[in-house]
């Protein structure tokens, strides 16, 4: 794999990680607004898993 391709793959992986974290944060805020404790615990566990 050439250097440009490796850099593109790295940037895509970083963007994906950021998007997953943002999505998880929105879901967690929605669960908190609803007061859904079970979902909050599940999302917090997911957050620990994805880092």
C-alpha atoms as a PDB file:
ATOM      1  CA  UNK A   1       0.000   0.000   0.000  1.00  0.00           C
ATOM      2  CA  UNK A   2       1.448   3.369  -0.869  1.00  0.00           C
ATOM      3  CA  UNK A   3       1.831   6.182   1.621  1.00  0.00           C
ATOM      4  CA  UNK A   4      -1.098   8.257   0.267  1.00  0.00           C
ATOM      5  CA  UNK A   5      -3.423   5.261   0.510  1.00  0.00           C
ATOM      6  CA  UNK A   6      -2.286   4.510   4.057  1.00  0.00           C
ATOM      7  CA  UNK A   7      -2.894   8.119   5.068  1.00  0.00           C
ATOM      8  CA  UNK A   8      -6.379   8.079   3.513  1.00  0.00           C
ATOM      9  CA  UNK A   9      -7.257   4.887   5.370  1.00  0.00           C
ATOM     10  CA  UNK A  10      -5.991   6.370   8.639  1.00  0.00           C
ATOM     11  CA  UNK A  11      -8.035   9.552   8.170  1.00  0.00           C
ATOM     12  CA  UNK A  12     -11.161   7.559   7.317  1.00  0.00           C
ATOM     13  CA  UNK A  13     -10.742   5.448  10.453  1.00  0.00           C
ATOM     14  CA  UNK A  14     -10.338   8.570  12.576  1.00  0.00           C
ATOM     15  CA  UNK A  15     -13.442  10.158  11.041  1.00  0.00           C
ATOM     16  CA  UNK A  16     -15.410   6.986  11.669  1.00  0.00           C
ATOM     17  CA  UNK A  17     -14.339   6.930  15.334  1.00  0.00           C
ATOM     18  CA  UNK A  18     -15.348  10.581  15.790  1.00  0.00           C
ATOM     19  CA  UNK A  19     -18.726   9.971  14.146  1.00  0.00           C
ATOM     20  CA  UNK A  20     -19.408   6.945  16.360  1.00  0.00           C
ATOM     21  CA  UNK A  21     -18.576   8.977  19.474  1.00  0.00           C
ATOM     22  CA  UNK A  22     -20.828  11.878  18.402  1.00  0.00           C
ATOM     23  CA  UNK A  23     -23.681   9.532  17.592  1.00  0.00           C
ATOM     24  CA  UNK A  24     -23.304   7.766  20.919  1.00  0.00           C
ATOM     25  CA  UNK A  25     -23.308  11.104  22.748  1.00  0.00           C
ATOM     26  CA  UNK A  26     -26.566  12.137  21.046  1.00  0.00           C
ATOM     27  CA  UNK A  27     -28.138   8.801  21.924  1.00  0.00           C
ATOM     28  CA  UNK A  28     -26.996   9.118  25.534  1.00  0.00           C
ATOM     29  CA  UNK A  29     -28.436  12.634  25.810  1.00  0.00           C
ATOM     30  CA  UNK A  30     -31.763  11.406  24.423  1.00  0.00           C
ATOM     31  CA  UNK A  31     -31.836   8.500  26.888  1.00  0.00           C
ATOM     32  CA  UNK A  32     -31.069  10.876  29.756  1.00  0.00           C
ATOM     33  CA  UNK A  33     -33.838  13.226  28.656  1.00  0.00           C
ATOM     34  CA  UNK A  34     -36.286  10.306  28.678  1.00  0.00           C
ATOM     35  CA  UNK A  35     -34.963   9.039  32.010  1.00  0.00           C
ATOM     36  CA  UNK A  36     -34.334   5.566  30.552  1.00  0.00           C
ATOM     37  CA  UNK A  37     -31.840   4.227  33.088  1.00  0.00           C
ATOM     38  CA  UNK A  38     -31.427   0.833  31.406  1.00  0.00           C
ATOM     39  CA  UNK A  39     -30.569   2.452  28.083  1.00  0.00           C
ATOM     40  CA  UNK A  40     -28.225   4.912  29.774  1.00  0.00           C
ATOM     41  CA  UNK A  41     -26.285   2.038  31.363  1.00  0.00           C
ATOM     42  CA  UNK A  42     -26.156   0.217  28.036  1.00  0.00           C
ATOM     43  CA  UNK A  43     -24.892   3.300  26.199  1.00  0.00           C
ATOM     44  CA  UNK A  44     -22.305   4.002  28.883  1.00  0.00           C
ATOM     45  CA  UNK A  45     -21.025   0.435  28.471  1.00  0.00           C
ATOM     46  CA  UNK A  46     -20.894   0.974  24.710  1.00  0.00           C
ATOM     47  CA  UNK A  47     -18.929   4.179  25.235  1.00  0.00           C
ATOM     48  CA  UNK A  48     -16.331   2.293  27.294  1.00  0.00           C
ATOM     49  CA  UNK A  49     -16.120  -0.379  24.593  1.00  0.00           C
ATOM     50  CA  UNK A  50     -15.528   2.001  21.688  1.00  0.00           C
ATOM     51  CA  UNK A  51     -13.234   4.231  23.690  1.00  0.00           C
END
